[in-house]
Protein backbone atom coordinates (compact mmCIF):
# COMPACT_ATOMS: atom_id res chain seq x y z
CA UNK A 1 -52.99 -169.34 23.75
CA UNK A 2 -54.69 -171.34 25.93
CA UNK A 3 -54.30 -175.28 27.15
CA UNK A 4 -57.27 -177.20 27.51
CA UNK A 5 -56.49 -179.81 30.04
CA UNK A 6 -58.21 -182.92 30.80
CA UNK A 7 -56.32 -184.78 33.73
CA UNK A 8 -55.38 -182.56 36.36
CA UNK A 9 -53.52 -184.06 39.39
CA UNK A 10 -52.86 -181.75 42.33
CA UNK A 11 -51.06 -183.28 45.55
CA UNK A 12 -51.78 -182.77 49.11
CA UNK A 13 -50.44 -183.37 52.33
CA UNK A 14 -52.73 -181.19 54.65
CA UNK A 15 -51.72 -178.62 54.62
CA UNK A 16 -52.13 -174.75 54.05
CA UNK A 17 -50.06 -174.23 50.84
CA UNK A 18 -51.49 -177.90 50.11
CA UNK A 19 -55.26 -176.69 50.07
CA UNK A 20 -54.43 -173.04 47.60
CA UNK A 21 -53.61 -175.56 45.42
CA UNK A 22 -55.86 -177.54 45.93
CA UNK A 23 -59.13 -174.64 45.43
CA UNK A 24 -56.55 -173.25 41.93
CA UNK A 25 -56.64 -176.88 40.35
CA UNK A 26 -60.67 -176.81 41.25
CA UNK A 27 -61.26 -173.81 39.25
CA UNK A 28 -59.00 -175.13 36.30
CA UNK A 29 -60.97 -178.16 36.54
CA UNK A 30 -63.93 -176.51 35.98
CA UNK A 31 -63.16 -174.24 33.68
CA UNK A 32 -61.69 -177.21 30.87
CA UNK A 33 -63.99 -179.67 32.29
CA UNK A 34 -61.27 -181.63 33.95
CA UNK A 35 -61.45 -185.08 35.38
CA UNK A 36 -59.37 -184.41 39.24
CA UNK A 37 -57.15 -186.68 40.08
CA UNK A 38 -55.93 -186.46 43.98
CA UNK A 39 -53.00 -188.05 45.18
CA UNK A 40 -51.58 -188.50 48.96
CA UNK A 41 -48.48 -189.44 48.96
CA UNK A 42 -47.25 -191.68 52.17
CA UNK A 43 -43.40 -191.02 52.72
CA UNK A 44 -42.27 -193.70 53.28
CA UNK A 45 -38.92 -192.26 54.32
CA UNK A 46 -40.10 -191.15 57.36
CA UNK A 47 -40.90 -194.76 58.23
CA UNK A 48 -37.46 -195.56 58.16
CA UNK A 49 -35.97 -194.56 61.70
CA UNK A 50 -39.76 -194.31 63.28
CA UNK A 51 -40.45 -198.02 62.50
CA UNK A 52 -38.44 -199.50 64.61
CA UNK A 53 -39.94 -197.74 67.79
CA UNK A 54 -44.12 -197.53 66.81
CA UNK A 55 -45.15 -200.33 64.47
CA UNK A 56 -48.86 -197.89 64.34
CA UNK A 57 -47.32 -194.63 62.27
CA UNK A 58 -48.13 -196.40 58.39
CA UNK A 59 -51.33 -197.25 59.91
CA UNK A 60 -51.96 -193.89 61.09
CA UNK A 61 -50.78 -192.30 58.26
CA UNK A 62 -52.66 -194.56 55.68
CA UNK A 63 -55.89 -193.43 57.60
CA UNK A 64 -55.20 -189.27 57.87
CA UNK A 65 -54.95 -189.62 53.78
CA UNK A 66 -57.68 -191.88 53.17
CA UNK A 67 -59.62 -189.18 55.18
CA UNK A 68 -57.62 -185.86 53.50
CA UNK A 69 -58.62 -187.51 50.26
CA UNK A 70 -62.44 -187.79 50.97
CA UNK A 71 -62.37 -184.55 51.92
CA UNK A 72 -60.92 -182.91 49.20
CA UNK A 73 -63.06 -185.26 46.64
CA UNK A 74 -66.84 -184.26 48.60
CA UNK A 75 -65.41 -181.14 48.24
CA UNK A 76 -64.37 -181.28 45.01
CA UNK A 77 -67.27 -182.50 44.06
CA UNK A 78 -70.01 -179.70 45.87
CA UNK A 79 -67.86 -177.41 43.91
CA UNK A 80 -68.97 -178.80 40.68
CA UNK A 81 -66.26 -181.09 39.35
CA UNK A 82 -67.94 -184.35 38.45
CA UNK A 83 -65.59 -186.63 37.31
CA UNK A 84 -63.50 -186.73 40.57
CA UNK A 85 -60.12 -189.68 41.52
CA UNK A 86 -58.66 -190.13 44.21
CA UNK A 87 -54.92 -191.90 44.40
CA UNK A 88 -52.80 -193.00 47.60
CA UNK A 89 -50.12 -194.03 47.37
CA UNK A 90 -47.18 -195.69 48.99
CA UNK A 91 -43.24 -193.61 49.06
CA UNK A 92 -40.61 -190.20 47.96
CA UNK A 93 -43.54 -187.97 46.53
CA UNK A 94 -40.79 -185.68 44.44
CA UNK A 95 -40.34 -189.96 42.81
CA UNK A 96 -43.89 -191.07 42.39
CA UNK A 97 -46.00 -188.14 41.66
CA UNK A 98 -43.93 -186.89 38.02
CA UNK A 99 -42.34 -190.45 37.66
CA UNK A 100 -45.29 -193.24 38.53
CA UNK A 101 -48.64 -191.28 39.18
CA UNK A 102 -48.35 -188.80 36.32
CA UNK A 103 -47.19 -190.71 33.59
CA UNK A 104 -50.47 -194.13 34.07
CA UNK A 105 -53.33 -192.31 34.81
CA UNK A 106 -52.09 -189.46 31.53
CA UNK A 107 -52.03 -186.60 33.54
CA UNK A 108 -51.11 -183.16 31.37
CA UNK A 109 -51.14 -180.78 33.83
CA UNK A 110 -49.94 -181.45 37.48
CA UNK A 111 -50.57 -178.57 39.85
CA UNK A 112 -48.67 -178.90 43.73
CA UNK A 113 -47.98 -176.10 46.35
CA UNK A 114 -44.64 -174.24 46.68
CA UNK A 115 -42.75 -175.64 49.51
CA UNK A 116 -43.13 -177.83 52.33
CA UNK A 117 -39.61 -179.00 53.53
CA UNK A 118 -37.59 -176.68 55.74
CA UNK A 119 -34.91 -175.14 53.90
CA UNK A 120 -32.21 -177.65 54.91
CA UNK A 121 -33.95 -180.63 53.76
CA UNK A 122 -34.51 -178.45 50.71
CA UNK A 123 -30.64 -177.26 50.60
CA UNK A 124 -29.65 -181.17 50.80
CA UNK A 125 -32.13 -183.54 49.15
CA UNK A 126 -34.63 -180.30 46.73
CA UNK A 127 -38.16 -179.42 47.39
CA UNK A 128 -40.99 -182.31 46.14
CA UNK A 129 -42.09 -179.58 43.70
CA UNK A 130 -38.68 -178.75 42.52
CA UNK A 131 -38.00 -182.01 41.35
CA UNK A 132 -41.47 -182.32 39.73
CA UNK A 133 -40.92 -179.47 37.63
CA UNK A 134 -38.36 -180.91 36.32
CA UNK A 135 -38.37 -184.10 35.98
CA UNK A 136 -42.77 -184.56 34.39
CA UNK A 137 -43.56 -184.92 31.18
CA UNK A 138 -46.40 -182.18 31.45
CA UNK A 139 -46.96 -179.39 32.37
CA UNK A 140 -46.79 -178.25 35.80
CA UNK A 141 -48.57 -175.51 38.01
CA UNK A 142 -46.20 -173.97 41.21
CA UNK A 143 -48.76 -172.29 43.82
CA UNK A 144 -47.41 -170.17 45.94
CA UNK A 145 -49.08 -168.41 49.18
CA UNK A 146 -48.13 -164.69 49.63
CA UNK A 147 -45.50 -165.78 52.61
CA UNK A 148 -43.04 -167.08 49.73
CA UNK A 149 -43.64 -165.05 46.89
């Protein structure tokens, strides 16, 4: 039995693993004629200590996110995905993606990379993909690269 997805959300962060997730989401979106939502969540947890010293970090993060999303959107459209939307949010990616963005956009598949945090961070707070898998109300596809298999 195969599923036909209508609204696919892919989380990107500029990493190679996110690029692999994006490419997988393109394949599925084209096969299912689905709408593709590309999201970048600016992790505000990193601003807490840095913001006191560098007030431009939030603006630079926003500009990076907008540029990244525009590049991915252009790539998706060139690949033949006709319905693409970008979403830039602030907060914790592990909360925003499954609990805020996915329900609001009626997402039925979230695609994300398997890793992103260091081993120590995963030990204490868990990975973003683990949290998404645990709290999303829709299907989740975790894309692994060769090093994480």
